[in-house]
Amino acid sequence: MQKITIYTTPTCAYCKMTKAFFKEHNITYEEKDVANNHALAEEMVKKSGQMTVPVIDIDGKILVGFDKEGLSRLLNIK
């Protein structure tokens, strides 16, 4: 099983779209809210080089933003 982490904020529409995509496909993930946690925000930036959310880490492969095609490819969803 793949290890999936998503870095989010509560008001991010693309974060909500990504989580809905995961739910639709029964994908288990860990969510890290970076809105009020500086250490998690630093962890996210170190992984992605980006300050924007969502940042999705799938077994060390990083996607930034809601990328349905990229998610489908990395998660082997047809």
PDB file of N, CA and C in Angstrom:
ATOM      1  N   MET A   1       0.839  -1.186   0.000  1.00  0.00           N
ATOM      2  CA  MET A   1       0.000   0.000   0.000  1.00  0.00           C
ATOM      3  C   MET A   1       0.884   1.250   0.000  1.00  0.00           C
ATOM      4  N   GLN A   2       0.490   2.234  -0.792  1.00  0.00           N
ATOM      5  CA  GLN A   2       1.266   3.464  -0.912  1.00  0.00           C
ATOM      6  C   GLN A   2       1.046   4.361   0.304  1.00  0.00           C
ATOM      7  N   LYS A   3       2.106   5.072   0.696  1.00  0.00           N
ATOM      8  CA  LYS A   3       1.994   6.048   1.779  1.00  0.00           C
ATOM      9  C   LYS A   3       1.689   7.398   1.140  1.00  0.00           C
ATOM     10  N   ILE A   4       0.543   7.963   1.521  1.00  0.00           N
ATOM     11  CA  ILE A   4       0.089   9.219   0.925  1.00  0.00           C
ATOM     12  C   ILE A   4      -0.111  10.249   2.022  1.00  0.00           C
ATOM     13  N   THR A   5       0.502  11.406   1.823  1.00  0.00           N
ATOM     14  CA  THR A   5       0.336  12.530   2.740  1.00  0.00           C
ATOM     15  C   THR A   5      -0.109  13.731   1.921  1.00  0.00           C
ATOM     16  N   ILE A   6      -1.105  14.444   2.440  1.00  0.00           N
ATOM     17  CA  ILE A   6      -1.550  15.670   1.784  1.00  0.00           C
ATOM     18  C   ILE A   6      -1.426  16.822   2.785  1.00  0.00           C
ATOM     19  N   TYR A   7      -0.738  17.864   2.350  1.00  0.00           N
ATOM     20  CA  TYR A   7      -0.584  19.090   3.145  1.00  0.00           C
ATOM     21  C   TYR A   7      -1.689  20.045   2.701  1.00  0.00           C
ATOM     22  N   THR A   8      -2.468  20.536   3.673  1.00  0.00           N
ATOM     23  CA  THR A   8      -3.662  21.319   3.361  1.00  0.00           C
ATOM     24  C   THR A   8      -3.799  22.543   4.250  1.00  0.00           C
ATOM     25  N   THR A   9      -4.796  23.361   3.901  1.00  0.00           N
ATOM     26  CA  THR A   9      -5.327  24.390   4.796  1.00  0.00           C
ATOM     27  C   THR A   9      -6.847  24.238   4.759  1.00  0.00           C
ATOM     28  N   PRO A  10      -7.533  24.687   5.814  1.00  0.00           N
ATOM     29  CA  PRO A  10      -8.985  24.487   5.883  1.00  0.00           C
ATOM     30  C   PRO A  10      -9.786  25.183   4.782  1.00  0.00           C
ATOM     31  N   THR A  11      -9.277  26.273   4.226  1.00  0.00           N
ATOM     32  CA  THR A  11     -10.048  27.052   3.262  1.00  0.00           C
ATOM     33  C   THR A  11      -9.688  26.765   1.805  1.00  0.00           C
ATOM     34  N   CYS A  12      -8.789  25.837   1.575  1.00  0.00           N
ATOM     35  CA  CYS A  12      -8.277  25.558   0.232  1.00  0.00           C
ATOM     36  C   CYS A  12      -9.264  24.713  -0.581  1.00  0.00           C
ATOM     37  N   ALA A  13      -9.784  25.278  -1.660  1.00  0.00           N
ATOM     38  CA  ALA A  13     -10.737  24.559  -2.518  1.00  0.00           C
ATOM     39  C   ALA A  13     -10.076  23.374  -3.212  1.00  0.00           C
ATOM     40  N   TYR A  14      -8.826  23.530  -3.645  1.00  0.00           N
ATOM     41  CA  TYR A  14      -8.129  22.440  -4.331  1.00  0.00           C
ATOM     42  C   TYR A  14      -7.793  21.291  -3.375  1.00  0.00           C
ATOM     43  N   CYS A  15      -7.577  21.637  -2.107  1.00  0.00           N
ATOM     44  CA  CYS A  15      -7.369  20.598  -1.088  1.00  0.00           C
ATOM     45  C   CYS A  15      -8.643  19.766  -0.951  1.00  0.00           C
ATOM     46  N   LYS A  16      -9.774  20.447  -0.898  1.00  0.00           N
ATOM     47  CA  LYS A  16     -11.065  19.750  -0.776  1.00  0.00           C
ATOM     48  C   LYS A  16     -11.328  18.878  -1.997  1.00  0.00           C
ATOM     49  N   MET A  17     -10.965  19.362  -3.184  1.00  0.00           N
ATOM     50  CA  MET A  17     -11.140  18.575  -4.405  1.00  0.00           C
ATOM     51  C   MET A  17     -10.246  17.324  -4.373  1.00  0.00           C
ATOM     52  N   THR A  18      -9.025  17.483  -3.886  1.00  0.00           N
ATOM     53  CA  THR A  18      -8.111  16.342  -3.805  1.00  0.00           C
ATOM     54  C   THR A  18      -8.633  15.310  -2.816  1.00  0.00           C
ATOM     55  N   LYS A  19      -9.107  15.766  -1.659  1.00  0.00           N
ATOM     56  CA  LYS A  19      -9.637  14.833  -0.661  1.00  0.00           C
ATOM     57  C   LYS A  19     -10.902  14.142  -1.169  1.00  0.00           C
ATOM     58  N   ALA A  20     -11.725  14.845  -1.933  1.00  0.00           N
ATOM     59  CA  ALA A  20     -12.917  14.231  -2.532  1.00  0.00           C
ATOM     60  C   ALA A  20     -12.506  13.158  -3.547  1.00  0.00           C
ATOM     61  N   PHE A  21     -11.456  13.436  -4.319  1.00  0.00           N
ATOM     62  CA  PHE A  21     -10.928  12.460  -5.278  1.00  0.00           C
ATOM     63  C   PHE A  21     -10.463  11.212  -4.532  1.00  0.00           C
ATOM     64  N   PHE A  22      -9.726  11.401  -3.428  1.00  0.00           N
ATOM     65  CA  PHE A  22      -9.274  10.263  -2.625  1.00  0.00           C
ATOM     66  C   PHE A  22     -10.461   9.463  -2.095  1.00  0.00           C
ATOM     67  N   LYS A  23     -11.468  10.159  -1.593  1.00  0.00           N
ATOM     68  CA  LYS A  23     -12.653   9.481  -1.044  1.00  0.00           C
ATOM     69  C   LYS A  23     -13.371   8.680  -2.137  1.00  0.00           C
ATOM     70  N   GLU A  24     -13.527   9.290  -3.301  1.00  0.00           N
ATOM     71  CA  GLU A  24     -14.198   8.636  -4.435  1.00  0.00           C
ATOM     72  C   GLU A  24     -13.506   7.322  -4.810  1.00  0.00           C
ATOM     73  N   HIS A  25     -12.192   7.287  -4.650  1.00  0.00           N
ATOM     74  CA  HIS A  25     -11.422   6.118  -5.051  1.00  0.00           C
ATOM     75  C   HIS A  25     -10.951   5.278  -3.851  1.00  0.00           C
ATOM     76  N   ASN A  26     -11.550   5.537  -2.672  1.00  0.00           N
ATOM     77  CA  ASN A  26     -11.219   4.785  -1.449  1.00  0.00           C
ATOM     78  C   ASN A  26      -9.722   4.763  -1.155  1.00  0.00           C
ATOM     79  N   ILE A  27      -9.095   5.932  -1.279  1.00  0.00           N
ATOM     80  CA  ILE A  27      -7.664   6.083  -1.030  1.00  0.00           C
ATOM     81  C   ILE A  27      -7.466   6.559   0.406  1.00  0.00           C
ATOM     82  N   THR A  28      -6.646   5.829   1.148  1.00  0.00           N
ATOM     83  CA  THR A  28      -6.313   6.211   2.521  1.00  0.00           C
ATOM     84  C   THR A  28      -5.126   7.163   2.482  1.00  0.00           C
ATOM     85  N   TYR A  29      -5.193   8.222   3.293  1.00  0.00           N
ATOM     86  CA  TYR A  29      -4.120   9.214   3.301  1.00  0.00           C
ATOM     87  C   TYR A  29      -4.005   9.841   4.676  1.00  0.00           C
ATOM     88  N   GLU A  30      -2.876  10.486   4.906  1.00  0.00           N
ATOM     89  CA  GLU A  30      -2.665  11.272   6.117  1.00  0.00           C
ATOM     90  C   GLU A  30      -2.750  12.740   5.719  1.00  0.00           C
ATOM     91  N   GLU A  31      -3.527  13.497   6.475  1.00  0.00           N
ATOM     92  CA  GLU A  31      -3.666  14.929   6.196  1.00  0.00           C
ATOM     93  C   GLU A  31      -2.874  15.726   7.215  1.00  0.00           C
ATOM     94  N   LYS A  32      -2.120  16.704   6.730  1.00  0.00           N
ATOM     95  CA  LYS A  32      -1.361  17.603   7.595  1.00  0.00           C
ATOM     96  C   LYS A  32      -1.797  19.032   7.296  1.00  0.00           C
ATOM     97  N   ASP A  33      -2.446  19.655   8.264  1.00  0.00           N
ATOM     98  CA  ASP A  33      -2.937  21.031   8.136  1.00  0.00           C
ATOM     99  C   ASP A  33      -1.792  21.985   8.472  1.00  0.00           C
ATOM    100  N   VAL A  34      -1.363  22.742   7.479  1.00  0.00           N
ATOM    101  CA  VAL A  34      -0.220  23.648   7.649  1.00  0.00           C
ATOM    102  C   VAL A  34      -0.633  25.068   8.033  1.00  0.00           C
ATOM    103  N   ALA A  35      -1.933  25.312   8.139  1.00  0.00           N
ATOM    104  CA  ALA A  35      -2.423  26.674   8.375  1.00  0.00           C
ATOM    105  C   ALA A  35      -1.871  27.282   9.658  1.00  0.00           C
ATOM    106  N   ASN A  36      -1.830  26.517  10.736  1.00  0.00           N
ATOM    107  CA  ASN A  36      -1.375  27.055  12.020  1.00  0.00           C
ATOM    108  C   ASN A  36      -0.225  26.256  12.604  1.00  0.00           C
ATOM    109  N   ASN A  37       0.506  25.554  11.744  1.00  0.00           N
ATOM    110  CA  ASN A  37       1.611  24.734  12.226  1.00  0.00           C
ATOM    111  C   ASN A  37       2.851  25.040  11.384  1.00  0.00           C
ATOM    112  N   HIS A  38       3.704  25.878  11.928  1.00  0.00           N
ATOM    113  CA  HIS A  38       4.888  26.334  11.203  1.00  0.00           C
ATOM    114  C   HIS A  38       5.822  25.168  10.845  1.00  0.00           C
ATOM    115  N   ALA A  39       5.966  24.206  11.749  1.00  0.00           N
ATOM    116  CA  ALA A  39       6.856  23.070  11.495  1.00  0.00           C
ATOM    117  C   ALA A  39       6.353  22.246  10.313  1.00  0.00           C
ATOM    118  N   LEU A  40       5.041  22.007  10.227  1.00  0.00           N
ATOM    119  CA  LEU A  40       4.484  21.271   9.094  1.00  0.00           C
ATOM    120  C   LEU A  40       4.617  22.060   7.802  1.00  0.00           C
ATOM    121  N   ALA A  41       4.437  23.387   7.886  1.00  0.00           N
ATOM    122  CA  ALA A  41       4.603  24.228   6.702  1.00  0.00           C
ATOM    123  C   ALA A  41       6.043  24.149   6.195  1.00  0.00           C
ATOM    124  N   GLU A  42       7.007  24.170   7.102  1.00  0.00           N
ATOM    125  CA  GLU A  42       8.413  24.052   6.710  1.00  0.00           C
ATOM    126  C   GLU A  42       8.690  22.690   6.083  1.00  0.00           C
ATOM    127  N   GLU A  43       8.104  21.636   6.655  1.00  0.00           N
ATOM    128  CA  GLU A  43       8.256  20.280   6.106  1.00  0.00           C
ATOM    129  C   GLU A  43       7.723  20.223   4.677  1.00  0.00           C
ATOM    130  N   MET A  44       6.559  20.855   4.462  1.00  0.00           N
ATOM    131  CA  MET A  44       5.937  20.880   3.134  1.00  0.00           C
ATOM    132  C   MET A  44       6.832  21.609   2.128  1.00  0.00           C
ATOM    133  N   VAL A  45       7.345  22.772   2.514  1.00  0.00           N
ATOM    134  CA  VAL A  45       8.192  23.565   1.618  1.00  0.00           C
ATOM    135  C   VAL A  45       9.494  22.825   1.316  1.00  0.00           C
ATOM    136  N   LYS A  46      10.045  22.146   2.317  1.00  0.00           N
ATOM    137  CA  LYS A  46      11.278  21.380   2.108  1.00  0.00           C
ATOM    138  C   LYS A  46      11.052  20.269   1.078  1.00  0.00           C
ATOM    139  N   LYS A  47       9.888  19.621   1.131  1.00  0.00           N
ATOM    140  CA  LYS A  47       9.583  18.541   0.188  1.00  0.00           C
ATOM    141  C   LYS A  47       9.295  19.060  -1.214  1.00  0.00           C
ATOM    142  N   SER A  48       8.550  20.172  -1.295  1.00  0.00           N
ATOM    143  CA  SER A  48       8.015  20.605  -2.589  1.00  0.00           C
ATOM    144  C   SER A  48       8.676  21.851  -3.177  1.00  0.00           C
ATOM    145  N   GLY A  49       9.288  22.656  -2.327  1.00  0.00           N
ATOM    146  CA  GLY A  49       9.814  23.938  -2.788  1.00  0.00           C
ATOM    147  C   GLY A  49       8.706  24.964  -3.007  1.00  0.00           C
ATOM    148  N   GLN A  50       7.500  24.642  -2.568  1.00  0.00           N
ATOM    149  CA  GLN A  50       6.330  25.493  -2.812  1.00  0.00           C
ATOM    150  C   GLN A  50       5.680  25.917  -1.499  1.00  0.00           C
ATOM    151  N   MET A  51       5.032  27.090  -1.528  1.00  0.00           N
ATOM    152  CA  MET A  51       4.275  27.587  -0.379  1.00  0.00           C
ATOM    153  C   MET A  51       2.776  27.386  -0.584  1.00  0.00           C
ATOM    154  N   THR A  52       2.394  26.796  -1.682  1.00  0.00           N
ATOM    155  CA  THR A  52       0.984  26.635  -2.007  1.00  0.00           C
ATOM    156  C   THR A  52       0.498  25.247  -1.613  1.00  0.00           C
ATOM    157  N   VAL A  53      -0.800  25.128  -1.392  1.00  0.00           N
ATOM    158  CA  VAL A  53      -1.411  23.833  -1.072  1.00  0.00           C
ATOM    159  C   VAL A  53      -2.451  23.505  -2.123  1.00  0.00           C
ATOM    160  N   PRO A  54      -2.807  22.263  -2.308  1.00  0.00           N
ATOM    161  CA  PRO A  54      -2.258  21.113  -1.597  1.00  0.00           C
ATOM    162  C   PRO A  54      -0.912  20.682  -2.168  1.00  0.00           C
ATOM    163  N   VAL A  55      -0.114  20.108  -1.291  1.00  0.00           N
ATOM    164  CA  VAL A  55       1.077  19.375  -1.696  1.00  0.00           C
ATOM    165  C   VAL A  55       0.787  17.926  -1.350  1.00  0.00           C
ATOM    166  N   ILE A  56       0.904  17.056  -2.330  1.00  0.00           N
ATOM    167  CA  ILE A  56       0.596  15.643  -2.138  1.00  0.00           C
ATOM    168  C   ILE A  56       1.887  14.851  -2.302  1.00  0.00           C
ATOM    169  N   ASP A  57       2.189  14.040  -1.303  1.00  0.00           N
ATOM    170  CA  ASP A  57       3.372  13.190  -1.305  1.00  0.00           C
ATOM    171  C   ASP A  57       2.887  11.743  -1.408  1.00  0.00           C
ATOM    172  N   ILE A  58       3.193  11.096  -2.531  1.00  0.00           N
ATOM    173  CA  ILE A  58       2.821   9.699  -2.753  1.00  0.00           C
ATOM    174  C   ILE A  58       4.118   8.911  -2.861  1.00  0.00           C
ATOM    175  N   ASP A  59       4.468   8.248  -1.757  1.00  0.00           N
ATOM    176  CA  ASP A  59       5.720   7.466  -1.706  1.00  0.00           C
ATOM    177  C   ASP A  59       6.921   8.284  -2.178  1.00  0.00           C
ATOM    178  N   GLY A  60       6.991   9.547  -1.766  1.00  0.00           N
ATOM    179  CA  GLY A  60       8.126  10.393  -2.114  1.00  0.00           C
ATOM    180  C   GLY A  60       7.997  11.144  -3.424  1.00  0.00           C
ATOM    181  N   LYS A  61       6.962  10.844  -4.200  1.00  0.00           N
ATOM    182  CA  LYS A  61       6.701  11.600  -5.432  1.00  0.00           C
ATOM    183  C   LYS A  61       5.771  12.748  -5.071  1.00  0.00           C
ATOM    184  N   ILE A  62       6.139  13.961  -5.459  1.00  0.00           N
ATOM    185  CA  ILE A  62       5.429  15.164  -5.031  1.00  0.00           C
ATOM    186  C   ILE A  62       4.587  15.747  -6.163  1.00  0.00           C
ATOM    187  N   LEU A  63       3.332  16.028  -5.845  1.00  0.00           N
ATOM    188  CA  LEU A  63       2.438  16.773  -6.740  1.00  0.00           C
ATOM    189  C   LEU A  63       2.005  18.036  -6.005  1.00  0.00           C
ATOM    190  N   VAL A  64       1.928  19.140  -6.728  1.00  0.00           N
ATOM    191  CA  VAL A  64       1.463  20.402  -6.139  1.00  0.00           C
ATOM    192  C   VAL A  64       0.182  20.801  -6.845  1.00  0.00           C
ATOM    193  N   GLY A  65      -0.852  21.078  -6.063  1.00  0.00           N
ATOM    194  CA  GLY A  65      -2.146  21.449  -6.624  1.00  0.00           C
ATOM    195  C   GLY A  65      -2.980  20.211  -6.923  1.00  0.00           C
ATOM    196  N   PHE A  66      -4.220  20.439  -7.338  1.00  0.00           N
ATOM    197  CA  PHE A  66      -5.094  19.322  -7.688  1.00  0.00           C
ATOM    198  C   PHE A  66      -4.823  18.946  -9.132  1.00  0.00           C
ATOM    199  N   ASP A  67      -4.196  17.790  -9.319  1.00  0.00           N
ATOM    200  CA  ASP A  67      -3.812  17.298 -10.640  1.00  0.00           C
ATOM    201  C   ASP A  67      -4.428  15.912 -10.797  1.00  0.00           C
ATOM    202  N   LYS A  68      -5.654  15.868 -11.309  1.00  0.00           N
ATOM    203  CA  LYS A  68      -6.393  14.613 -11.417  1.00  0.00           C
ATOM    204  C   LYS A  68      -5.637  13.584 -12.250  1.00  0.00           C
ATOM    205  N   GLU A  69      -5.067  14.011 -13.369  1.00  0.00           N
ATOM    206  CA  GLU A  69      -4.313  13.082 -14.232  1.00  0.00           C
ATOM    207  C   GLU A  69      -3.059  12.570 -13.530  1.00  0.00           C
ATOM    208  N   GLY A  70      -2.357  13.460 -12.868  1.00  0.00           N
ATOM    209  CA  GLY A  70      -1.153  13.061 -12.137  1.00  0.00           C
ATOM    210  C   GLY A  70      -1.462  12.107 -11.001  1.00  0.00           C
ATOM    211  N   LEU A  71      -2.520  12.406 -10.256  1.00  0.00           N
ATOM    212  CA  LEU A  71      -2.944  11.523  -9.167  1.00  0.00           C
ATOM    213  C   LEU A  71      -3.343  10.155  -9.716  1.00  0.00           C
ATOM    214  N   SER A  72      -4.111  10.154 -10.781  1.00  0.00           N
ATOM    215  CA  SER A  72      -4.553   8.894 -11.379  1.00  0.00           C
ATOM    216  C   SER A  72      -3.356   8.062 -11.837  1.00  0.00           C
ATOM    217  N   ARG A  73      -2.376   8.720 -12.431  1.00  0.00           N
ATOM    218  CA  ARG A  73      -1.197   8.014 -12.920  1.00  0.00           C
ATOM    219  C   ARG A  73      -0.406   7.421 -11.736  1.00  0.00           C
ATOM    220  N   LEU A  74      -0.124   8.237 -10.718  1.00  0.00           N
ATOM    221  CA  LEU A  74       0.684   7.767  -9.584  1.00  0.00           C
ATOM    222  C   LEU A  74      -0.034   6.724  -8.752  1.00  0.00           C
ATOM    223  N   LEU A  75      -1.383   6.772  -8.740  1.00  0.00           N
ATOM    224  CA  LEU A  75      -2.153   5.832  -7.932  1.00  0.00           C
ATOM    225  C   LEU A  75      -2.688   4.653  -8.747  1.00  0.00           C
ATOM    226  N   ASN A  76      -2.322   4.610 -10.036  1.00  0.00           N
ATOM    227  CA  ASN A  76      -2.759   3.525 -10.921  1.00  0.00           C
ATOM    228  C   ASN A  76      -4.279   3.431 -11.024  1.00  0.00           C
ATOM    229  N   ILE A  77      -4.921   4.582 -11.171  1.00  0.00           N
ATOM    230  CA  ILE A  77      -6.380   4.644 -11.338  1.00  0.00           C
ATOM    231  C   ILE A  77      -6.676   4.866 -12.809  1.00  0.00           C
ATOM    232  N   LYS A  78      -7.499   4.012 -13.366  1.00  0.00           N
ATOM    233  CA  LYS A  78      -7.846   4.118 -14.800  1.00  0.00           C
ATOM    234  C   LYS A  78      -9.061   4.988 -14.993  1.00  0.00           C
TER     235      LYS A  78
END
